[in-house]
Amino acid sequence: MKKVIIDMNNANQRIDKFLVKYLPLAPKSFIYKMIRKKDVKVNGSKVNENYILQLKDEVSLFLYEDLFMQFAGKKEIYDLPQTFSVLYEDDQILVVNKPAGLLVHEDQNEEVHTLSNEVLSYLKRKGEYLDSVENTFTPGPVHRLDRNTSGIVIFGKTLPALQNLNEMMKQRHCIDKKYLTIVAGRIDGDKELIDYVKKNETLGRMYLVSPKDPEGLKMHTLIHPVRLNAAYTLLEVKIVTGRTHQIRIHLASIDHPVIGDSKYGNYELNKKIKKQYHLSHQFLHAYEITFTKPLGKLAYLKDKTITCPLPEKLDRIKRDIFN
């Protein structure tokens, strides 16, 4: 028999959902069969799959050890060098500065060296995350940045924090996110941009569609010029929605593409920028977040602002363009 005491990272969820994570290699049919056959008990009593686990509940599994090891698996935590810097950290959340060139999540070409794996490696070294077969919760990011966009990424370190952060992202207007970018051309005043987009999965890029398109997703962006000259504008960009490539496609759609952006930008301008500044990716940096309406266990973050300075290379380009 296997016994588990429910901690804060596993409370307030259905027992079937917990068991799917606790035994990730087990067929779901096996898990539901265990529940039906009463091979799962909570505090000594039989439960059904709808039971909501409470803090300090004792879950008993009538399961042979060899079968448990077969189904439990183990998440591998890689020993990775730390390329991110910590901007803010407490016992609930971690806010980091992601360098350009690093993926937030793994993809088909990179499974190991990602920001998410670097953070797990960092937390393991601190003794705050154990890669045991009994650990069903994995700290994770609540949003992502494109590989070549630098700046702020927020991680939930506990399940309640991650749940609260996800709800805050879902509701919008709970976390203000601002970016800095340099675009081609002069933009003299503030603008509010609202359009609709769809993704071309084959090409991996977004494109504008009519508001009447049933598959179109609303895209809402606010821009504010900070510095400008005849050829370029340094913009502060606030995103209300969070669509893939939102800032890049929105600015390109008004003929002010982000410099260095090979997907939506101006080829000739990017060629010039690369030759002059050795910049081979978009000039886009997530530089500030403010917790305007934090929820639940994160209410203590009310009105907290976290900023992230431009990387040295982007700052040099900014200073050179705007003297």
Foldseek 3Di string as FASTA:
>chain_A
DDKDFDAQQQFFDFPLVLVCLLQVQDDSVVSQVCLVVQQKDWPNHRDHRRDTGHHGIMIGGNDDPVVSPVRLDWDDQDQDDDPWAWQDDDQWKTKIKFAAQAFQADDPVGHAGHVLSNVQNVCVVVVLDDGDSRDRDRKGWLDTDPNGAIEITMITSGNVSSVQSNVCLVVFPQKKWKKKFKWWADDDAKDKDKFWWDADVVVGDIDTDHPPPPRTDIWIKIWGFDADDGTMTIIIIITRHDDVCRVQQRCLVVVTGTALDPPRDDPVRNVVCCVVQVRNHGGMYGFKMFRCHGDDPCRVRHGPMTGDDDPPSSVVVVVVVRD
